[in-house]
């Protein structure tokens, strides 16, 4: 087998762009409905903005991992997964920043919402990169559950299971719930507790994504390496 065939082929995510664009349009239609309010004000558009942003986050953090983990490893490997995540992150910018025209968000609050969304996407990209390297169903299912935890947190499952002290689950609030708290803040900047939680959540998410990508790259390199017996036979043929 030639060296050129062993190299990862990076494919442009054209299908992903079309699917993500259709998802964003459906989110806008779901949020706005068929009729606009009589008086268009930031207060009247607040529910639609919440639905739009959370639906786009669900698409990036849940729908994309579900579709990706249902496929094979792919020819591009980890780089293809990172390219798809970067594409989704770029499309999220087209949703988050134009919302400032219809909201009282300051630049700082918008940056914080953007940081929360992108860091969660980095975490999901690392999880997807690791899970998609395996051909078995169980690792892929575990990776999908991890993506659901990143998106929704563990507060609601623990509450449903009867957990009493939910304060311990604050660092695992989930990206969607954190973004909702950031959007609902009435001040120009969220309070200190929400701000601290968003910072810790972003750092943990980026660290998780980086570790996942490193592990996936190691697994991919180990999978491409020929076994020791095959290397020995090849060396004997060269010597002979």
Protein backbone atom coordinates (compact mmCIF):
# COMPACT_ATOMS: atom_id res chain seq x y z
CA UNK A 1 0.00 0.00 0.00
CA UNK A 2 1.41 3.41 -0.92
CA UNK A 3 2.05 6.19 1.50
CA UNK A 4 -0.43 8.45 -0.28
CA UNK A 5 -3.26 6.05 0.46
CA UNK A 6 -2.41 6.08 4.20
CA UNK A 7 -2.78 9.82 4.44
CA UNK A 8 -6.00 11.30 5.78
CA UNK A 9 -8.20 12.76 3.06
CA UNK A 10 -9.88 15.94 4.29
CA UNK A 11 -13.33 16.24 2.77
CA UNK A 12 -15.15 19.63 2.68
CA UNK A 13 -18.24 19.34 4.90
CA UNK A 14 -20.71 20.39 2.20
CA UNK A 15 -23.48 18.11 3.45
CA UNK A 16 -22.97 19.36 7.00
CA UNK A 17 -23.26 22.99 5.89
CA UNK A 18 -26.53 22.29 4.06
CA UNK A 19 -27.94 20.30 6.99
CA UNK A 20 -26.88 22.93 9.54
CA UNK A 21 -28.38 25.72 7.44
CA UNK A 22 -31.67 23.84 7.22
CA UNK A 23 -31.56 23.26 11.00
CA UNK A 24 -31.08 26.99 11.65
CA UNK A 25 -33.98 27.88 9.36
CA UNK A 26 -36.20 25.35 11.13
CA UNK A 27 -35.14 26.81 14.47
CA UNK A 28 -36.15 30.29 13.31
CA UNK A 29 -39.49 29.04 12.00
CA UNK A 30 -40.11 27.17 15.25
CA UNK A 31 -39.25 30.23 17.32
CA UNK A 32 -41.08 32.91 15.33
CA UNK A 33 -44.00 30.85 14.07
CA UNK A 34 -46.16 32.19 11.26
CA UNK A 35 -47.01 35.58 12.82
CA UNK A 36 -44.85 38.21 14.46
CA UNK A 37 -45.95 40.12 17.57
CA UNK A 38 -47.81 43.38 16.98
CA UNK A 39 -45.13 45.41 18.75
CA UNK A 40 -41.64 44.12 18.07
CA UNK A 41 -39.61 44.83 21.20
CA UNK A 42 -36.71 43.01 22.90
CA UNK A 43 -39.16 41.74 25.52
CA UNK A 44 -41.56 40.32 22.92
CA UNK A 45 -38.72 38.65 21.01
CA UNK A 46 -37.04 37.18 24.11
CA UNK A 47 -38.87 33.80 23.99
CA UNK A 48 -38.12 33.39 20.27
CA UNK A 49 -34.45 34.24 20.84
CA UNK A 50 -34.23 31.67 23.65
CA UNK A 51 -35.78 28.95 21.47
CA UNK A 52 -33.59 29.81 18.48
CA UNK A 53 -30.28 29.74 20.33
CA UNK A 54 -31.05 26.64 22.39
CA UNK A 55 -32.28 24.77 19.31
CA UNK A 56 -29.08 25.64 17.45
CA UNK A 57 -27.04 24.44 20.44
CA UNK A 58 -28.95 21.18 20.52
CA UNK A 59 -28.21 20.73 16.82
CA UNK A 60 -24.47 21.27 17.33
CA UNK A 61 -24.08 19.34 20.60
CA UNK A 62 -26.59 16.51 20.15
CA UNK A 63 -27.76 16.11 16.53
CA UNK A 64 -24.29 16.34 14.98
CA UNK A 65 -22.69 13.82 17.39
CA UNK A 66 -25.64 11.47 16.85
CA UNK A 67 -25.20 11.62 13.08
CA UNK A 68 -21.39 11.37 13.28
CA UNK A 69 -21.34 8.45 15.70
CA UNK A 70 -23.80 6.59 13.48
CA UNK A 71 -21.22 6.58 10.69
CA UNK A 72 -17.86 4.89 10.27
CA UNK A 73 -14.50 6.39 11.29
CA UNK A 74 -14.23 8.19 7.95
CA UNK A 75 -11.24 8.73 5.68
CA UNK A 76 -10.19 12.05 7.17
CA UNK A 77 -9.86 10.85 10.74
CA UNK A 78 -9.59 13.33 13.59
CA UNK A 79 -8.93 16.24 11.25
CA UNK A 80 -12.28 15.72 9.55
CA UNK A 81 -14.07 15.78 12.91
CA UNK A 82 -12.28 18.99 13.86
CA UNK A 83 -13.15 20.54 10.50
CA UNK A 84 -16.82 19.70 10.99
CA UNK A 85 -16.77 21.15 14.51
CA UNK A 86 -15.08 24.32 13.22
CA UNK A 87 -17.77 24.59 10.53
CA UNK A 88 -20.52 24.35 13.14
CA UNK A 89 -18.74 26.89 15.33
CA UNK A 90 -18.56 29.33 12.41
CA UNK A 91 -22.27 28.88 11.71
CA UNK A 92 -23.05 29.53 15.37
CA UNK A 93 -21.39 32.93 15.01
CA UNK A 94 -23.98 33.77 12.35
CA UNK A 95 -26.68 33.06 14.92
CA UNK A 96 -25.27 34.51 18.15
CA UNK A 97 -23.90 37.88 17.10
CA UNK A 98 -26.82 39.12 14.95
CA UNK A 99 -29.07 38.53 17.98
CA UNK A 100 -27.53 41.65 19.55
CA UNK A 101 -29.69 43.68 17.16
CA UNK A 102 -32.83 42.43 18.92
CA UNK A 103 -31.54 42.13 22.50
CA UNK A 104 -30.01 44.41 25.13
CA UNK A 105 -26.92 42.20 25.30
CA UNK A 106 -23.62 43.95 25.75
CA UNK A 107 -20.49 42.83 23.94
CA UNK A 108 -19.21 41.24 27.14
CA UNK A 109 -22.33 39.16 27.68
CA UNK A 110 -22.39 38.11 24.03
CA UNK A 111 -18.75 37.06 24.28
CA UNK A 112 -19.57 34.99 27.37
CA UNK A 113 -22.47 33.24 25.60
CA UNK A 114 -20.24 32.63 22.60
CA UNK A 115 -17.46 31.26 24.82
CA UNK A 116 -19.86 28.85 26.51
CA UNK A 117 -21.21 27.59 23.18
CA UNK A 118 -17.82 27.19 21.50
CA UNK A 119 -16.15 25.53 24.51
CA UNK A 120 -18.99 23.01 24.70
CA UNK A 121 -18.56 22.34 20.99
CA UNK A 122 -14.84 21.72 21.59
CA UNK A 123 -15.71 19.18 24.30
CA UNK A 124 -18.21 17.43 22.04
CA UNK A 125 -15.68 17.37 19.19
CA UNK A 126 -13.16 15.60 21.41
CA UNK A 127 -15.76 13.07 22.55
CA UNK A 128 -16.90 12.41 18.98
CA UNK A 129 -13.29 12.02 17.82
CA UNK A 130 -12.67 9.30 20.41
CA UNK A 131 -16.00 7.54 20.01
CA UNK A 132 -15.89 7.42 16.22
CA UNK A 133 -12.50 5.68 16.25
CA UNK A 134 -14.14 2.51 17.54
CA UNK A 135 -16.25 0.18 15.41
CA UNK A 136 -18.12 -1.24 18.41
CA UNK A 137 -21.52 -0.02 19.52
CA UNK A 138 -20.82 0.33 23.24
CA UNK A 139 -18.03 2.98 23.02
CA UNK A 140 -20.12 4.98 20.57
CA UNK A 141 -23.14 4.81 22.89
CA UNK A 142 -21.01 5.96 25.83
CA UNK A 143 -19.68 8.84 23.71
CA UNK A 144 -23.25 9.87 22.85
CA UNK A 145 -24.24 9.84 26.52
CA UNK A 146 -21.21 12.04 27.28
CA UNK A 147 -22.35 14.51 24.60
CA UNK A 148 -25.80 14.60 26.21
CA UNK A 149 -24.19 15.38 29.57
CA UNK A 150 -22.22 18.24 28.02
CA UNK A 151 -25.39 19.66 26.48
CA UNK A 152 -27.87 19.05 29.29
CA UNK A 153 -25.76 18.52 32.41
CA UNK A 154 -26.47 16.05 35.19
CA UNK A 155 -28.67 18.18 37.42
CA UNK A 156 -31.97 17.02 35.92
CA UNK A 157 -31.06 13.28 35.84
CA UNK A 158 -29.87 13.45 39.46
CA UNK A 159 -33.02 15.31 40.49
CA UNK A 160 -35.14 12.67 38.77
CA UNK A 161 -33.16 9.98 40.60
CA UNK A 162 -33.92 11.63 43.95
CA UNK A 163 -30.63 13.42 44.67
CA UNK A 164 -30.98 15.89 47.53
CA UNK A 165 -27.98 18.22 47.33
CA UNK A 166 -27.95 19.65 43.80
CA UNK A 167 -25.30 22.27 44.62
CA UNK A 168 -22.61 19.69 43.94
CA UNK A 169 -23.76 19.43 40.33
CA UNK A 170 -23.31 23.15 39.59
CA UNK A 171 -20.09 22.66 37.56
CA UNK A 172 -22.02 20.18 35.40
CA UNK A 173 -25.01 22.40 34.72
CA UNK A 174 -24.83 21.81 30.97
CA UNK A 175 -24.28 24.16 28.07
CA UNK A 176 -27.97 24.77 27.28
CA UNK A 177 -28.87 25.64 30.88
CA UNK A 178 -25.80 27.88 31.23
CA UNK A 179 -26.64 29.78 28.04
CA UNK A 180 -30.22 30.22 29.24
CA UNK A 181 -28.97 31.73 32.51
CA UNK A 182 -26.66 34.06 30.61
CA UNK A 183 -29.51 35.18 28.33
CA UNK A 184 -31.89 35.73 31.24
CA UNK A 185 -29.51 37.99 33.17
CA UNK A 186 -31.04 41.45 33.50
CA UNK A 187 -27.80 43.31 34.21
CA UNK A 188 -25.21 44.17 31.60
CA UNK A 189 -23.10 41.36 33.01
CA UNK A 190 -24.30 38.21 34.83
CA UNK A 191 -23.77 37.97 38.56
CA UNK A 192 -20.55 36.63 40.03
CA UNK A 193 -21.84 33.07 40.54
CA UNK A 194 -22.98 32.66 36.94
CA UNK A 195 -19.82 34.33 35.62
CA UNK A 196 -17.57 32.03 37.69
CA UNK A 197 -19.53 28.95 36.67
CA UNK A 198 -19.33 29.89 32.98
CA UNK A 199 -15.57 30.36 33.25
CA UNK A 200 -15.00 27.02 35.00
CA UNK A 201 -17.33 25.28 32.56
CA UNK A 202 -15.44 26.72 29.57
CA UNK A 203 -12.05 25.67 30.96
CA UNK A 204 -13.26 22.14 31.73
CA UNK A 205 -14.90 21.81 28.32
CA UNK A 206 -11.80 22.95 26.43
CA UNK A 207 -9.59 20.62 28.51
CA UNK A 208 -11.97 17.71 27.85
CA UNK A 209 -11.99 18.42 24.11
CA UNK A 210 -8.19 18.70 23.94
CA UNK A 211 -7.72 15.42 25.82
CA UNK A 212 -10.27 13.70 23.59
CA UNK A 213 -8.58 14.89 20.40
CA UNK A 214 -5.16 13.79 21.71
CA UNK A 215 -6.47 10.33 22.62
CA UNK A 216 -8.22 10.01 19.24
CA UNK A 217 -5.05 11.01 17.38
CA UNK A 218 -3.07 8.40 19.35
CA UNK A 219 -5.67 5.72 18.57
CA UNK A 220 -5.63 6.68 14.90
CA UNK A 221 -1.83 6.53 14.73
CA UNK A 222 -1.79 3.17 16.53
CA UNK A 223 -4.40 1.79 14.13
CA UNK A 224 -2.34 2.77 11.09
CA UNK A 225 0.84 1.16 12.45
CA UNK A 226 1.31 -2.36 11.02
CA UNK A 227 1.57 -5.22 13.51
CA UNK A 228 4.98 -6.44 14.64
CA UNK A 229 4.70 -9.72 12.73
CA UNK A 230 3.92 -7.90 9.50
CA UNK A 231 6.88 -5.58 10.04
CA UNK A 232 9.14 -8.59 10.63
CA UNK A 233 7.99 -10.29 7.44
CA UNK A 234 8.53 -7.08 5.49
CA UNK A 235 12.05 -6.72 6.86
CA UNK A 236 12.86 -10.35 6.01
CA UNK A 237 11.64 -9.81 2.46
CA UNK A 238 13.83 -6.75 2.11
CA UNK A 239 16.86 -8.62 3.44
CA UNK A 240 16.13 -11.64 1.22
